Amino acid sequence: WYRQAPGQQRELVASITAEGVTDVTDPVKGRFTISRDNLKKMVYLDMN
């Protein structure tokens, strides 16, 4: 998942590997969670 704020460059905020290993950047750590559903071919970002 990437985001682009007004006037800013697009940045990666969260990623998930094919094996399900996740990583998030410091600004969203502890608040955002990325997940995937391989059967539905969906990627999710839960923002808290």
All heavy atoms as atom14 arrays in JSON, in Angstrom:
{
  "sequence": "WYRQAPGQQRELVASITAEGVTDVTDPVKGRFTISRDNLKKMVYLDMN",
  "atom14_mask": [
    [1, 1, 1, 1, 1, 1, 1, 1, 1, 1, 1, 1, 1, 1],
    [1, 1, 1, 1, 1, 1, 1, 1, 1, 1, 1, 1, 0, 0],
    [1, 1, 1, 1, 1, 1, 1, 1, 1, 1, 1, 0, 0, 0],
    [1, 1, 1, 1, 1, 1, 1, 1, 1, 0, 0, 0, 0, 0],
    [1, 1, 1, 1, 1, 0, 0, 0, 0, 0, 0, 0, 0, 0],
    [1, 1, 1, 1, 1, 1, 1, 0, 0, 0, 0, 0, 0, 0],
    [1, 1, 1, 1, 0, 0, 0, 0, 0, 0, 0, 0, 0, 0],
    [1, 1, 1, 1, 1, 1, 1, 1, 1, 0, 0, 0, 0, 0],
    [1, 1, 1, 1, 1, 1, 1, 1, 1, 0, 0, 0, 0, 0],
    [1, 1, 1, 1, 1, 1, 1, 1, 1, 1, 1, 0, 0, 0],
    [1, 1, 1, 1, 1, 1, 1, 1, 1, 0, 0, 0, 0, 0],
    [1, 1, 1, 1, 1, 1, 1, 1, 0, 0, 0, 0, 0, 0],
    [1, 1, 1, 1, 1, 1, 1, 0, 0, 0, 0, 0, 0, 0],
    [1, 1, 1, 1, 1, 0, 0, 0, 0, 0, 0, 0, 0, 0],
    [1, 1, 1, 1, 1, 1, 0, 0, 0, 0, 0, 0, 0, 0],
    [1, 1, 1, 1, 1, 1, 1, 1, 0, 0, 0, 0, 0, 0],
    [1, 1, 1, 1, 1, 1, 1, 0, 0, 0, 0, 0, 0, 0],
    [1, 1, 1, 1, 1, 0, 0, 0, 0, 0, 0, 0, 0, 0],
    [1, 1, 1, 1, 1, 1, 1, 1, 1, 0, 0, 0, 0, 0],
    [1, 1, 1, 1, 0, 0, 0, 0, 0, 0, 0, 0, 0, 0],
    [1, 1, 1, 1, 1, 1, 1, 0, 0, 0, 0, 0, 0, 0],
    [1, 1, 1, 1, 1, 1, 1, 0, 0, 0, 0, 0, 0, 0],
    [1, 1, 1, 1, 1, 1, 1, 1, 0, 0, 0, 0, 0, 0],
    [1, 1, 1, 1, 1, 1, 1, 0, 0, 0, 0, 0, 0, 0],
    [1, 1, 1, 1, 1, 1, 1, 0, 0, 0, 0, 0, 0, 0],
    [1, 1, 1, 1, 1, 1, 1, 1, 0, 0, 0, 0, 0, 0],
    [1, 1, 1, 1, 1, 1, 1, 0, 0, 0, 0, 0, 0, 0],
    [1, 1, 1, 1, 1, 1, 1, 0, 0, 0, 0, 0, 0, 0],
    [1, 1, 1, 1, 1, 1, 1, 1, 1, 0, 0, 0, 0, 0],
    [1, 1, 1, 1, 0, 0, 0, 0, 0, 0, 0, 0, 0, 0],
    [1, 1, 1, 1, 1, 1, 1, 1, 1, 1, 1, 0, 0, 0],
    [1, 1, 1, 1, 1, 1, 1, 1, 1, 1, 1, 0, 0, 0],
    [1, 1, 1, 1, 1, 1, 1, 0, 0, 0, 0, 0, 0, 0],
    [1, 1, 1, 1, 1, 1, 1, 1, 0, 0, 0, 0, 0, 0],
    [1, 1, 1, 1, 1, 1, 0, 0, 0, 0, 0, 0, 0, 0],
    [1, 1, 1, 1, 1, 1, 1, 1, 1, 1, 1, 0, 0, 0],
    [1, 1, 1, 1, 1, 1, 1, 1, 0, 0, 0, 0, 0, 0],
    [1, 1, 1, 1, 1, 1, 1, 1, 0, 0, 0, 0, 0, 0],
    [1, 1, 1, 1, 1, 1, 1, 1, 0, 0, 0, 0, 0, 0],
    [1, 1, 1, 1, 1, 1, 1, 1, 1, 0, 0, 0, 0, 0],
    [1, 1, 1, 1, 1, 1, 1, 1, 1, 0, 0, 0, 0, 0],
    [1, 1, 1, 1, 1, 1, 1, 1, 0, 0, 0, 0, 0, 0],
    [1, 1, 1, 1, 1, 1, 1, 0, 0, 0, 0, 0, 0, 0],
    [1, 1, 1, 1, 1, 1, 1, 1, 1, 1, 1, 1, 0, 0],
    [1, 1, 1, 1, 1, 1, 1, 1, 0, 0, 0, 0, 0, 0],
    [1, 1, 1, 1, 1, 1, 1, 1, 0, 0, 0, 0, 0, 0],
    [1, 1, 1, 1, 1, 1, 1, 1, 0, 0, 0, 0, 0, 0],
    [1, 1, 1, 1, 1, 1, 1, 1, 0, 0, 0, 0, 0, 0]
  ],
  "atom14_positions": [
    [[0.87, -1.18, 0.0], [0.0, 0.0, 0.0], [0.9, 1.23, 0.0], [1.85, 1.32, 0.79], [-0.91, 0.02, 1.23], [-2.11, -0.85, 1.07], [-2.28, -2.12, 1.54], [-3.33, -0.51, 0.39], [-3.52, -2.6, 1.19], [-4.19, -1.62, 0.49], [-3.79, 0.63, -0.27], [-5.47, -1.63, -0.06], [-5.05, 0.62, -0.82], [-5.88, -0.5, -0.71]],
    [[0.56, 2.16, -0.87], [1.29, 3.4, -1.0], [0.32, 4.55, -0.76], [-0.9, 4.38, -0.87], [1.86, 3.54, -2.42], [2.79, 2.43, -2.84], [2.3, 1.17, -3.17], [4.16, 2.65, -2.93], [3.16, 0.14, -3.57], [5.02, 1.64, -3.33], [4.52, 0.4, -3.65], [5.37, -0.61, -4.05], [0.0, 0.0, 0.0], [0.0, 0.0, 0.0]],
    [[0.86, 5.72, -0.47], [-0.01, 6.88, -0.34], [0.7, 8.12, -0.88], [1.93, 8.2, -0.88], [-0.43, 7.1, 1.11], [0.68, 7.53, 2.06], [0.14, 7.61, 3.49], [1.17, 8.05, 4.43], [0.99, 8.08, 5.74], [-0.19, 7.71, 6.27], [1.95, 8.49, 6.55], [0.0, 0.0, 0.0], [0.0, 0.0, 0.0], [0.0, 0.0, 0.0]],
    [[-0.12, 9.04, -1.33], [0.4, 10.31, -1.83], [-0.42, 11.43, -1.26], [-1.61, 11.58, -1.57], [0.39, 10.35, -3.36], [1.06, 11.58, -3.94], [1.29, 11.46, -5.43], [0.62, 10.7, -6.12], [2.25, 12.22, -5.95], [0.0, 0.0, 0.0], [0.0, 0.0, 0.0], [0.0, 0.0, 0.0], [0.0, 0.0, 0.0], [0.0, 0.0, 0.0]],
    [[0.21, 12.19, -0.4], [-0.45, 13.35, 0.19], [-0.32, 14.54, -0.75], [0.58, 14.57, -1.6], [0.18, 13.66, 1.54], [0.0, 0.0, 0.0], [0.0, 0.0, 0.0], [0.0, 0.0, 0.0], [0.0, 0.0, 0.0], [0.0, 0.0, 0.0], [0.0, 0.0, 0.0], [0.0, 0.0, 0.0], [0.0, 0.0, 0.0], [0.0, 0.0, 0.0]],
    [[-1.18, 15.54, -0.61], [-1.11, 16.7, -1.49], [0.27, 17.35, -1.46], [0.82, 17.62, -0.39], [-2.17, 17.64, -0.9], [-3.14, 16.73, -0.23], [-2.31, 15.6, 0.31], [0.0, 0.0, 0.0], [0.0, 0.0, 0.0], [0.0, 0.0, 0.0], [0.0, 0.0, 0.0], [0.0, 0.0, 0.0], [0.0, 0.0, 0.0], [0.0, 0.0, 0.0]],
    [[0.85, 17.54, -2.63], [2.15, 18.17, -2.72], [3.33, 17.3, -2.35], [4.47, 17.78, -2.3], [0.0, 0.0, 0.0], [0.0, 0.0, 0.0], [0.0, 0.0, 0.0], [0.0, 0.0, 0.0], [0.0, 0.0, 0.0], [0.0, 0.0, 0.0], [0.0, 0.0, 0.0], [0.0, 0.0, 0.0], [0.0, 0.0, 0.0], [0.0, 0.0, 0.0]],
    [[3.07, 16.03, -2.08], [4.12, 15.13, -1.65], [4.32, 14.01, -2.68], [3.46, 13.76, -3.51], [3.78, 14.5, -0.3], [3.52, 15.5, 0.81], [4.75, 16.29, 1.18], [5.87, 15.74, 1.24], [4.58, 17.59, 1.39], [0.0, 0.0, 0.0], [0.0, 0.0, 0.0], [0.0, 0.0, 0.0], [0.0, 0.0, 0.0], [0.0, 0.0, 0.0]],
    [[5.46, 13.35, -2.58], [5.69, 12.19, -3.43], [4.97, 10.98, -2.88], [4.71, 10.88, -1.67], [7.2, 11.92, -3.53], [7.96, 12.96, -4.32], [9.35, 12.5, -4.69], [9.91, 11.61, -4.04], [9.91, 13.08, -5.73], [0.0, 0.0, 0.0], [0.0, 0.0, 0.0], [0.0, 0.0, 0.0], [0.0, 0.0, 0.0], [0.0, 0.0, 0.0]],
    [[4.69, 10.06, -3.76], [4.06, 8.82, -3.34], [5.06, 8.02, -2.51], [6.25, 7.95, -2.83], [3.62, 8.02, -4.55], [2.8, 6.79, -4.23], [2.39, 6.11, -5.52], [1.32, 6.82, -6.22], [1.36, 7.17, -7.5], [2.42, 6.9, -8.23], [0.34, 7.79, -8.06], [0.0, 0.0, 0.0], [0.0, 0.0, 0.0], [0.0, 0.0, 0.0]],
    [[4.57, 7.4, -1.43], [5.44, 6.63, -0.54], [4.8, 5.31, -0.18], [3.58, 5.19, -0.07], [5.73, 7.43, 0.73], [4.5, 7.72, 1.58], [4.81, 8.41, 2.9], [5.99, 8.55, 3.25], [3.85, 8.79, 3.59], [0.0, 0.0, 0.0], [0.0, 0.0, 0.0], [0.0, 0.0, 0.0], [0.0, 0.0, 0.0], [0.0, 0.0, 0.0]],
    [[5.64, 4.32, 0.03], [5.19, 3.01, 0.48], [4.93, 3.08, 1.98], [5.76, 3.59, 2.73], [6.25, 1.96, 0.18], [5.99, 0.53, 0.65], [4.84, -0.08, -0.13], [7.24, -0.32, 0.5], [0.0, 0.0, 0.0], [0.0, 0.0, 0.0], [0.0, 0.0, 0.0], [0.0, 0.0, 0.0], [0.0, 0.0, 0.0], [0.0, 0.0, 0.0]],
    [[3.79, 2.56, 2.43], [3.5, 2.56, 3.86], [3.43, 1.16, 4.45], [3.66, 0.99, 5.65], [2.2, 3.32, 4.19], [2.34, 4.79, 3.85], [1.0, 2.73, 3.48], [0.0, 0.0, 0.0], [0.0, 0.0, 0.0], [0.0, 0.0, 0.0], [0.0, 0.0, 0.0], [0.0, 0.0, 0.0], [0.0, 0.0, 0.0], [0.0, 0.0, 0.0]],
    [[3.12, 0.16, 3.63], [3.02, -1.2, 4.15], [3.22, -2.19, 3.02], [2.85, -1.9, 1.87], [1.67, -1.43, 4.81], [0.0, 0.0, 0.0], [0.0, 0.0, 0.0], [0.0, 0.0, 0.0], [0.0, 0.0, 0.0], [0.0, 0.0, 0.0], [0.0, 0.0, 0.0], [0.0, 0.0, 0.0], [0.0, 0.0, 0.0], [0.0, 0.0, 0.0]],
    [[3.77, -3.34, 3.34], [3.98, -4.36, 2.32], [3.78, -5.75, 2.93], [3.89, -5.92, 4.15], [5.39, -4.27, 1.73], [6.37, -4.46, 2.72], [0.0, 0.0, 0.0], [0.0, 0.0, 0.0], [0.0, 0.0, 0.0], [0.0, 0.0, 0.0], [0.0, 0.0, 0.0], [0.0, 0.0, 0.0], [0.0, 0.0, 0.0], [0.0, 0.0, 0.0]],
    [[3.48, -6.7, 2.06], [3.28, -8.08, 2.5], [3.85, -8.99, 1.42], [3.54, -8.83, 0.24], [1.8, -8.37, 2.79], [1.63, -9.79, 3.34], [0.91, -8.12, 1.58], [0.25, -10.03, 3.96], [0.0, 0.0, 0.0], [0.0, 0.0, 0.0], [0.0, 0.0, 0.0], [0.0, 0.0, 0.0], [0.0, 0.0, 0.0], [0.0, 0.0, 0.0]],
    [[4.67, -9.93, 1.84], [5.3, -10.82, 0.87], [4.35, -11.94, 0.48], [3.27, -12.11, 1.07], [6.58, -11.44, 1.46], [6.21, -12.36, 2.5], [7.52, -10.38, 2.01], [0.0, 0.0, 0.0], [0.0, 0.0, 0.0], [0.0, 0.0, 0.0], [0.0, 0.0, 0.0], [0.0, 0.0, 0.0], [0.0, 0.0, 0.0], [0.0, 0.0, 0.0]],
    [[4.78, -12.74, -0.49], [3.98, -13.89, -0.92], [3.81, -14.88, 0.23], [2.81, -15.61, 0.29], [4.65, -14.56, -2.11], [0.0, 0.0, 0.0], [0.0, 0.0, 0.0], [0.0, 0.0, 0.0], [0.0, 0.0, 0.0], [0.0, 0.0, 0.0], [0.0, 0.0, 0.0], [0.0, 0.0, 0.0], [0.0, 0.0, 0.0], [0.0, 0.0, 0.0]],
    [[4.76, -14.9, 1.16], [4.7, -15.8, 2.31], [3.91, -15.22, 3.48], [3.74, -15.87, 4.51], [6.12, -16.15, 2.78], [6.93, -16.95, 1.76], [7.47, -16.07, 0.65], [7.57, -14.83, 0.84], [7.78, -16.61, -0.43], [0.0, 0.0, 0.0], [0.0, 0.0, 0.0], [0.0, 0.0, 0.0], [0.0, 0.0, 0.0], [0.0, 0.0, 0.0]],
    [[3.47, -13.95, 3.31], [2.67, -13.33, 4.36], [3.45, -12.53, 5.39], [2.89, -12.1, 6.4], [0.0, 0.0, 0.0], [0.0, 0.0, 0.0], [0.0, 0.0, 0.0], [0.0, 0.0, 0.0], [0.0, 0.0, 0.0], [0.0, 0.0, 0.0], [0.0, 0.0, 0.0], [0.0, 0.0, 0.0], [0.0, 0.0, 0.0], [0.0, 0.0, 0.0]],
    [[4.72, -12.3, 5.11], [5.53, -11.48, 6.03], [5.21, -10.01, 5.76], [5.27, -9.56, 4.62], [7.02, -11.75, 5.83], [7.85, -10.85, 6.74], [7.34, -13.22, 6.09], [0.0, 0.0, 0.0], [0.0, 0.0, 0.0], [0.0, 0.0, 0.0], [0.0, 0.0, 0.0], [0.0, 0.0, 0.0], [0.0, 0.0, 0.0], [0.0, 0.0, 0.0]],
    [[4.9, -9.29, 6.81], [4.47, -7.9, 6.66], [5.52, -6.93, 7.19], [6.36, -7.26, 8.03], [3.15, -7.65, 7.4], [3.34, -7.88, 8.8], [2.06, -8.58, 6.88], [0.0, 0.0, 0.0], [0.0, 0.0, 0.0], [0.0, 0.0, 0.0], [0.0, 0.0, 0.0], [0.0, 0.0, 0.0], [0.0, 0.0, 0.0], [0.0, 0.0, 0.0]],
    [[5.42, -5.73, 6.68], [6.29, -4.65, 7.13], [5.54, -3.34, 6.95], [4.78, -3.18, 5.98], [7.59, -4.62, 6.33], [8.62, -3.68, 6.93], [8.56, -3.43, 8.16], [9.5, -3.2, 6.2], [0.0, 0.0, 0.0], [0.0, 0.0, 0.0], [0.0, 0.0, 0.0], [0.0, 0.0, 0.0], [0.0, 0.0, 0.0], [0.0, 0.0, 0.0]],
    [[5.72, -2.43, 7.89], [5.11, -1.12, 7.79], [6.17, -0.07, 8.1], [7.15, -0.35, 8.8], [3.91, -0.95, 8.74], [2.79, -1.91, 8.38], [4.33, -1.15, 10.19], [0.0, 0.0, 0.0], [0.0, 0.0, 0.0], [0.0, 0.0, 0.0], [0.0, 0.0, 0.0], [0.0, 0.0, 0.0], [0.0, 0.0, 0.0], [0.0, 0.0, 0.0]],
    [[5.97, 1.11, 7.59], [6.93, 2.17, 7.83], [6.69, 2.8, 9.2], [5.61, 2.65, 9.79], [6.84, 3.24, 6.74], [5.51, 3.75, 6.71], [7.19, 2.64, 5.38], [0.0, 0.0, 0.0], [0.0, 0.0, 0.0], [0.0, 0.0, 0.0], [0.0, 0.0, 0.0], [0.0, 0.0, 0.0], [0.0, 0.0, 0.0], [0.0, 0.0, 0.0]],
    [[7.69, 3.5, 9.67], [7.62, 4.05, 11.02], [6.41, 4.95, 11.28], [5.81, 4.88, 12.36], [8.91, 4.8, 11.34], [10.07, 3.85, 11.59], [9.82, 2.65, 11.83], [11.24, 4.3, 11.55], [0.0, 0.0, 0.0], [0.0, 0.0, 0.0], [0.0, 0.0, 0.0], [0.0, 0.0, 0.0], [0.0, 0.0, 0.0], [0.0, 0.0, 0.0]],
    [[6.02, 5.82, 10.33], [4.89, 6.72, 10.62], [3.57, 6.0, 10.92], [2.68, 6.58, 11.55], [4.77, 7.56, 9.34], [6.13, 7.53, 8.74], [6.63, 6.15, 9.03], [0.0, 0.0, 0.0], [0.0, 0.0, 0.0], [0.0, 0.0, 0.0], [0.0, 0.0, 0.0], [0.0, 0.0, 0.0], [0.0, 0.0, 0.0], [0.0, 0.0, 0.0]],
    [[3.43, 4.77, 10.47], [2.17, 4.05, 10.66], [2.33, 2.82, 11.53], [1.36, 2.09, 11.75], [1.53, 3.66, 9.3], [1.38, 4.89, 8.41], [2.35, 2.59, 8.6], [0.0, 0.0, 0.0], [0.0, 0.0, 0.0], [0.0, 0.0, 0.0], [0.0, 0.0, 0.0], [0.0, 0.0, 0.0], [0.0, 0.0, 0.0], [0.0, 0.0, 0.0]],
    [[3.52, 2.6, 12.03], [3.78, 1.41, 12.84], [2.91, 1.4, 14.08], [2.76, 2.42, 14.76], [5.26, 1.36, 13.21], [5.72, 0.04, 13.8], [7.23, -0.1, 13.69], [7.65, -0.27, 12.24], [9.12, -0.5, 12.09], [0.0, 0.0, 0.0], [0.0, 0.0, 0.0], [0.0, 0.0, 0.0], [0.0, 0.0, 0.0], [0.0, 0.0, 0.0]],
    [[2.31, 0.25, 14.34], [1.42, 0.12, 15.48], [0.01, 0.59, 15.22], [-0.87, 0.41, 16.06], [0.0, 0.0, 0.0], [0.0, 0.0, 0.0], [0.0, 0.0, 0.0], [0.0, 0.0, 0.0], [0.0, 0.0, 0.0], [0.0, 0.0, 0.0], [0.0, 0.0, 0.0], [0.0, 0.0, 0.0], [0.0, 0.0, 0.0], [0.0, 0.0, 0.0]],
    [[-0.23, 1.18, 14.04], [-1.56, 1.69, 13.71], [-2.15, 1.03, 12.46], [-3.36, 0.8, 12.4], [-1.51, 3.2, 13.51], [-0.99, 3.97, 14.71], [-1.14, 5.46, 14.52], [-0.35, 5.97, 13.4], [-0.88, 6.57, 12.32], [-2.18, 6.69, 12.2], [-0.09, 7.02, 11.36], [0.0, 0.0, 0.0], [0.0, 0.0, 0.0], [0.0, 0.0, 0.0]],
    [[-1.33, 0.76, 11.48], [-1.78, 0.17, 10.21], [-1.37, -1.3, 10.14], [-0.27, -1.66, 10.56], [-1.18, 0.9, 9.01], [-1.69, 2.29, 8.78], [-2.47, 2.96, 9.71], [-1.39, 2.95, 7.6], [-2.94, 4.24, 9.49], [-1.84, 4.24, 7.34], [-2.61, 4.88, 8.3], [0.0, 0.0, 0.0], [0.0, 0.0, 0.0], [0.0, 0.0, 0.0]],
    [[-2.24, -2.11, 9.55], [-1.95, -3.52, 9.33], [-2.32, -3.9, 7.91], [-3.42, -3.59, 7.45], [-2.75, -4.4, 10.31], [-2.45, -4.01, 11.66], [-2.38, -5.87, 10.12], [0.0, 0.0, 0.0], [0.0, 0.0, 0.0], [0.0, 0.0, 0.0], [0.0, 0.0, 0.0], [0.0, 0.0, 0.0], [0.0, 0.0, 0.0], [0.0, 0.0, 0.0]],
    [[-1.41, -4.56, 7.23], [-1.67, -5.04, 5.87], [-1.93, -6.54, 5.91], [-1.33, -7.28, 6.72], [-0.47, -4.71, 4.94], [-0.82, -5.06, 3.49], [0.8, -5.39, 5.4], [0.24, -4.58, 2.48], [0.0, 0.0, 0.0], [0.0, 0.0, 0.0], [0.0, 0.0, 0.0], [0.0, 0.0, 0.0], [0.0, 0.0, 0.0], [0.0, 0.0, 0.0]],
    [[-2.84, -6.98, 5.05], [-3.13, -8.41, 4.97], [-3.53, -8.73, 3.53], [-3.76, -7.83, 2.71], [-4.24, -8.81, 5.95], [-5.43, -8.08, 5.68], [0.0, 0.0, 0.0], [0.0, 0.0, 0.0], [0.0, 0.0, 0.0], [0.0, 0.0, 0.0], [0.0, 0.0, 0.0], [0.0, 0.0, 0.0], [0.0, 0.0, 0.0], [0.0, 0.0, 0.0]],
    [[-3.62, -10.02, 3.25], [-3.96, -10.45, 1.89], [-4.85, -11.68, 1.94], [-4.8, -12.46, 2.9], [-2.7, -10.75, 1.09], [-1.85, -11.88, 1.64], [-0.49, -11.95, 0.94], [-0.61, -12.34, -0.46], [0.35, -12.15, -1.36], [1.49, -11.55, -1.0], [0.18, -12.55, -2.61], [0.0, 0.0, 0.0], [0.0, 0.0, 0.0], [0.0, 0.0, 0.0]],
    [[-5.64, -11.84, 0.89], [-6.48, -13.03, 0.71], [-6.16, -13.57, -0.68], [-6.6, -13.0, -1.68], [-7.95, -12.67, 0.85], [-8.86, -13.89, 0.8], [-8.51, -14.86, 0.09], [-9.91, -13.87, 1.44], [0.0, 0.0, 0.0], [0.0, 0.0, 0.0], [0.0, 0.0, 0.0], [0.0, 0.0, 0.0], [0.0, 0.0, 0.0], [0.0, 0.0, 0.0]],
    [[-5.39, -14.64, -0.72], [-4.94, -15.16, -2.02], [-6.09, -15.74, -2.84], [-6.06, -15.71, -4.07], [-3.87, -16.22, -1.83], [-2.54, -15.62, -1.38], [-2.28, -14.42, -1.57], [-1.69, -16.44, -0.78], [0.0, 0.0, 0.0], [0.0, 0.0, 0.0], [0.0, 0.0, 0.0], [0.0, 0.0, 0.0], [0.0, 0.0, 0.0], [0.0, 0.0, 0.0]],
    [[-7.1, -16.26, -2.18], [-8.23, -16.84, -2.93], [-9.04, -15.74, -3.6], [-9.48, -15.91, -4.75], [-9.11, -17.65, -1.99], [-8.51, -18.96, -1.47], [-9.49, -19.65, -0.52], [-8.16, -19.9, -2.62], [0.0, 0.0, 0.0], [0.0, 0.0, 0.0], [0.0, 0.0, 0.0], [0.0, 0.0, 0.0], [0.0, 0.0, 0.0], [0.0, 0.0, 0.0]],
    [[-9.23, -14.65, -2.91], [-10.01, -13.54, -3.47], [-9.16, -12.56, -4.25], [-9.7, -11.65, -4.89], [-10.74, -12.8, -2.34], [-11.76, -13.64, -1.6], [-12.45, -12.82, -0.51], [-13.5, -13.65, 0.21], [-14.16, -12.86, 1.3], [0.0, 0.0, 0.0], [0.0, 0.0, 0.0], [0.0, 0.0, 0.0], [0.0, 0.0, 0.0], [0.0, 0.0, 0.0]],
    [[-7.85, -12.73, -4.18], [-6.92, -11.79, -4.84], [-7.15, -10.36, -4.34], [-7.3, -9.42, -5.13], [-7.05, -11.87, -6.36], [-6.71, -13.23, -6.93], [-6.72, -13.23, -8.44], [-6.33, -14.59, -8.99], [-6.32, -14.61, -10.48], [0.0, 0.0, 0.0], [0.0, 0.0, 0.0], [0.0, 0.0, 0.0], [0.0, 0.0, 0.0], [0.0, 0.0, 0.0]],
    [[-7.17, -10.25, -3.03], [-7.41, -8.97, -2.39], [-6.26, -8.64, -1.44], [-5.69, -9.52, -0.81], [-8.71, -9.0, -1.59], [-9.96, -9.26, -2.39], [-10.49, -7.82, -3.35], [-10.97, -6.7, -2.03], [0.0, 0.0, 0.0], [0.0, 0.0, 0.0], [0.0, 0.0, 0.0], [0.0, 0.0, 0.0], [0.0, 0.0, 0.0], [0.0, 0.0, 0.0]],
    [[-5.99, -7.35, -1.33], [-5.04, -6.84, -0.36], [-5.79, -5.81, 0.49], [-6.55, -5.01, -0.05], [-3.82, -6.17, -1.02], [-2.76, -5.82, 0.03], [-3.22, -7.06, -2.09], [0.0, 0.0, 0.0], [0.0, 0.0, 0.0], [0.0, 0.0, 0.0], [0.0, 0.0, 0.0], [0.0, 0.0, 0.0], [0.0, 0.0, 0.0], [0.0, 0.0, 0.0]],
    [[-5.55, -5.84, 1.8], [-6.27, -4.96, 2.71], [-5.29, -4.1, 3.52], [-4.17, -4.51, 3.79], [-7.12, -5.78, 3.69], [-8.1, -6.7, 3.01], [-7.82, -8.06, 2.88], [-9.3, -6.22, 2.52], [-8.72, -8.92, 2.26], [-10.22, -7.07, 1.91], [-9.92, -8.41, 1.77], [-10.82, -9.25, 1.16], [0.0, 0.0, 0.0], [0.0, 0.0, 0.0]],
    [[-5.77, -2.94, 3.9], [-5.03, -2.09, 4.82], [-5.99, -1.64, 5.91], [-6.93, -0.9, 5.63], [-4.43, -0.88, 4.11], [-3.53, -0.01, 4.98], [-2.24, -0.76, 5.33], [-3.21, 1.32, 4.31], [0.0, 0.0, 0.0], [0.0, 0.0, 0.0], [0.0, 0.0, 0.0], [0.0, 0.0, 0.0], [0.0, 0.0, 0.0], [0.0, 0.0, 0.0]],
    [[-5.76, -2.12, 7.11], [-6.55, -1.69, 8.26], [-5.85, -0.52, 8.92], [-4.72, -0.65, 9.39], [-6.73, -2.84, 9.25], [-7.68, -3.89, 8.72], [-8.86, -3.56, 8.5], [-7.25, -5.04, 8.5], [0.0, 0.0, 0.0], [0.0, 0.0, 0.0], [0.0, 0.0, 0.0], [0.0, 0.0, 0.0], [0.0, 0.0, 0.0], [0.0, 0.0, 0.0]],
    [[-6.55, 0.59, 8.93], [-6.02, 1.82, 9.5], [-6.7, 2.08, 10.84], [-7.93, 2.18, 10.9], [-6.28, 3.0, 8.55], [-5.74, 2.77, 7.15], [-6.29, 4.04, 5.99], [-5.67, 5.53, 6.77], [0.0, 0.0, 0.0], [0.0, 0.0, 0.0], [0.0, 0.0, 0.0], [0.0, 0.0, 0.0], [0.0, 0.0, 0.0], [0.0, 0.0, 0.0]],
    [[-5.94, 2.16, 11.9], [-6.46, 2.46, 13.23], [-5.76, 3.69, 13.78], [-4.66, 4.03, 13.36], [-6.26, 1.26, 14.16], [-7.01, 0.04, 13.71], [-8.24, 0.07, 13.57], [-6.3, -1.05, 13.46], [0.0, 0.0, 0.0], [0.0, 0.0, 0.0], [0.0, 0.0, 0.0], [0.0, 0.0, 0.0], [0.0, 0.0, 0.0], [0.0, 0.0, 0.0]]
  ]
}
